[in-house]
Amino acid sequence: MIILDPEGNEYEVKNQVQFAAEHDLRASCLNQVLNRKRYHHKGWHLPGSLVIKILVDPDGYEYKFYSQAEFCREHNLNPMIISQVLSGQVKQYKGWHLPDRDIYHRFISPEGKRYKVRNIAQFAREMNLKENGLYRLVRNYISEYCGWRNA
């Protein structure tokens, strides 16, 4: 069976245990990759099996990656929340977002003034509100928070 290393070089696997030992891989993880129960192990993958993920950092630079765990470790991000960003459940996390995604939250104050907000935590501090209340509003758990509504 053919497998690719992290750089894309092809290798033929005849004996999984021996191959894993030679390339510093766990035999059980290699087996899962070869049986299509796992996308990759330490970057090793089957041809055509990897899903490239794309995120944009707070400065607007685009990052392409296939290992979410490795990406999160490198950038000090929470993998659970990054999963929510990638699936579209959450607009952004620490400024990281999907390409071509509107990452602004829009609120209407109790006085009727409209606000376009990128950083909910900072906005909550500035408006003397609780961050958790605004997040509950954004996720539509509640329809109003201290008179504030989604726009």
Protein backbone atom coordinates (compact mmCIF):
# COMPACT_ATOMS: atom_id res chain seq x y z
CA MET A 1 0.00 0.00 0.00
CA ILE A 2 1.25 3.50 -0.85
CA ILE A 3 1.46 6.22 1.81
CA LEU A 4 2.78 9.79 1.64
CA ASP A 5 5.07 11.46 4.16
CA PRO A 6 4.41 15.04 5.34
CA GLU A 7 6.43 16.41 2.39
CA GLY A 8 4.42 14.36 -0.14
CA ASN A 9 7.04 11.69 -0.90
CA GLU A 10 5.62 8.23 -1.70
CA TYR A 11 6.50 5.13 0.31
CA GLU A 12 5.29 1.58 -0.05
CA VAL A 13 4.24 -0.15 3.16
CA LYS A 14 4.76 -3.91 3.19
CA ASN A 15 5.12 -4.54 6.92
CA GLN A 16 3.26 -1.99 9.03
CA VAL A 17 5.07 -2.66 12.30
CA GLN A 18 8.51 -2.48 10.71
CA PHE A 19 7.58 0.62 8.67
CA ALA A 20 6.23 2.37 11.78
CA ALA A 21 9.42 1.63 13.72
CA GLU A 22 11.65 2.86 10.87
CA HIS A 23 9.75 6.16 10.57
CA ASP A 24 9.06 6.89 14.25
CA LEU A 25 5.30 6.22 13.93
CA ARG A 26 2.89 4.36 16.16
CA ALA A 27 1.91 1.11 14.47
CA SER A 28 -1.70 1.33 15.65
CA CYS A 29 -2.06 4.88 14.26
CA LEU A 30 -0.43 3.88 10.98
CA ASN A 31 -2.90 0.99 10.73
CA GLN A 32 -5.80 3.40 11.21
CA VAL A 33 -4.49 5.63 8.42
CA LEU A 34 -4.04 2.67 6.07
CA ASN A 35 -7.58 1.45 6.85
CA ARG A 36 -9.03 4.96 6.31
CA LYS A 37 -10.17 5.30 9.92
CA ARG A 38 -7.88 8.27 10.41
CA TYR A 39 -6.82 10.99 7.95
CA HIS A 40 -3.19 11.20 9.02
CA HIS A 41 -0.61 10.37 11.66
CA LYS A 42 2.27 12.80 12.18
CA GLY A 43 1.60 14.11 8.67
CA TRP A 44 1.70 10.68 7.00
CA HIS A 45 -1.40 10.09 4.89
CA LEU A 46 -2.92 8.22 1.97
CA PRO A 47 -2.88 9.91 -1.44
CA GLY A 48 -5.93 12.14 -1.84
CA SER A 49 -7.11 11.62 1.73
CA LEU A 50 -6.23 14.92 3.36
CA VAL A 51 -8.67 17.75 3.73
CA ILE A 52 -6.89 21.09 3.55
CA LYS A 53 -8.34 23.60 6.00
CA ILE A 54 -7.97 27.35 5.58
CA LEU A 55 -8.14 30.06 8.24
CA VAL A 56 -7.29 33.74 8.20
CA ASP A 57 -5.34 35.24 11.10
CA PRO A 58 -6.20 38.56 12.79
CA ASP A 59 -3.81 40.39 10.44
CA GLY A 60 -5.48 38.99 7.32
CA TYR A 61 -2.89 36.34 6.38
CA GLU A 62 -4.29 33.04 5.10
CA TYR A 63 -3.03 29.75 6.58
CA LYS A 64 -3.56 26.34 4.95
CA PHE A 65 -3.17 23.22 7.09
CA TYR A 66 -4.41 19.67 7.44
CA SER A 67 -3.56 18.91 11.06
CA GLN A 68 -5.87 20.93 13.25
CA ALA A 69 -4.15 19.77 16.46
CA GLU A 70 -0.70 20.78 15.20
CA PHE A 71 -2.02 24.10 13.88
CA CYS A 72 -3.61 24.91 17.26
CA ARG A 73 -0.43 24.02 19.14
CA GLU A 74 1.68 26.22 16.85
CA HIS A 75 -0.64 29.21 17.25
CA ASN A 76 -1.69 28.66 20.89
CA LEU A 77 -5.38 28.17 20.02
CA ASN A 78 -8.10 26.04 21.57
CA PRO A 79 -8.80 23.12 19.16
CA MET A 80 -12.43 22.79 20.29
CA ILE A 81 -13.21 26.42 19.43
CA ILE A 82 -11.23 26.23 16.17
CA SER A 83 -13.45 23.27 15.24
CA GLN A 84 -16.46 25.51 15.79
CA VAL A 85 -14.91 28.22 13.61
CA LEU A 86 -14.16 25.69 10.83
CA SER A 87 -17.71 24.31 10.96
CA GLY A 88 -19.21 27.81 10.92
CA GLN A 89 -20.77 27.58 14.40
CA VAL A 90 -18.58 30.45 15.63
CA LYS A 91 -17.63 33.44 13.44
CA GLN A 92 -14.15 33.94 14.84
CA TYR A 93 -11.84 33.02 17.70
CA LYS A 94 -9.06 35.38 18.78
CA GLY A 95 -9.44 37.03 15.37
CA TRP A 96 -9.00 33.78 13.41
CA HIS A 97 -11.83 33.21 10.93
CA LEU A 98 -12.80 31.52 7.68
CA PRO A 99 -11.88 33.32 4.45
CA ASP A 100 -14.62 35.57 3.07
CA ARG A 101 -16.50 35.37 6.35
CA ASP A 102 -18.13 38.41 7.95
CA ILE A 103 -16.64 38.28 11.43
CA TYR A 104 -18.49 41.25 12.84
CA HIS A 105 -21.34 40.97 15.32
CA ARG A 106 -24.04 43.60 15.09
CA PHE A 107 -25.96 44.81 18.13
CA ILE A 108 -28.68 47.33 18.81
CA SER A 109 -28.38 49.17 22.12
CA PRO A 110 -31.37 49.82 24.41
CA GLU A 111 -31.40 53.37 22.97
CA GLY A 112 -31.60 52.03 19.40
CA LYS A 113 -28.01 52.81 18.38
CA ARG A 114 -26.38 50.22 16.10
CA TYR A 115 -22.91 48.80 16.82
CA LYS A 116 -20.62 46.71 14.62
CA VAL A 117 -18.38 44.64 16.92
CA ARG A 118 -15.40 42.42 16.19
CA ASN A 119 -14.16 41.75 19.72
CA ILE A 120 -17.04 40.89 22.07
CA ALA A 121 -14.86 40.78 25.21
CA GLN A 122 -13.50 44.29 24.60
CA PHE A 123 -16.95 45.61 23.67
CA ALA A 124 -18.45 44.14 26.85
CA ARG A 125 -15.80 45.89 28.97
CA GLU A 126 -16.35 49.20 27.19
CA MET A 127 -20.14 49.02 27.60
CA ASN A 128 -19.97 47.65 31.16
CA LEU A 129 -21.73 44.42 30.13
CA LYS A 130 -20.97 40.80 30.86
CA GLU A 131 -19.20 39.00 28.04
CA ASN A 132 -21.17 35.81 28.69
CA GLY A 133 -24.46 37.66 28.24
CA LEU A 134 -23.40 38.97 24.83
CA TYR A 135 -22.23 35.52 23.73
CA ARG A 136 -25.60 34.06 24.74
CA LEU A 137 -27.24 36.77 22.65
CA VAL A 138 -24.98 36.11 19.64
CA ARG A 139 -25.70 32.38 19.78
CA ASN A 140 -29.44 33.10 20.00
CA TYR A 141 -29.84 31.43 23.39
CA ILE A 142 -31.64 34.60 24.46
CA SER A 143 -33.38 37.29 22.42
CA GLU A 144 -32.31 40.25 24.58
CA TYR A 145 -29.61 41.02 27.11
CA CYS A 146 -29.90 44.13 29.32
CA GLY A 147 -31.92 45.74 26.57
CA TRP A 148 -29.36 44.86 23.87
CA ARG A 149 -30.50 42.88 20.79
CA ASN A 150 -28.92 41.35 17.71
CA ALA A 151 -29.20 43.62 14.69
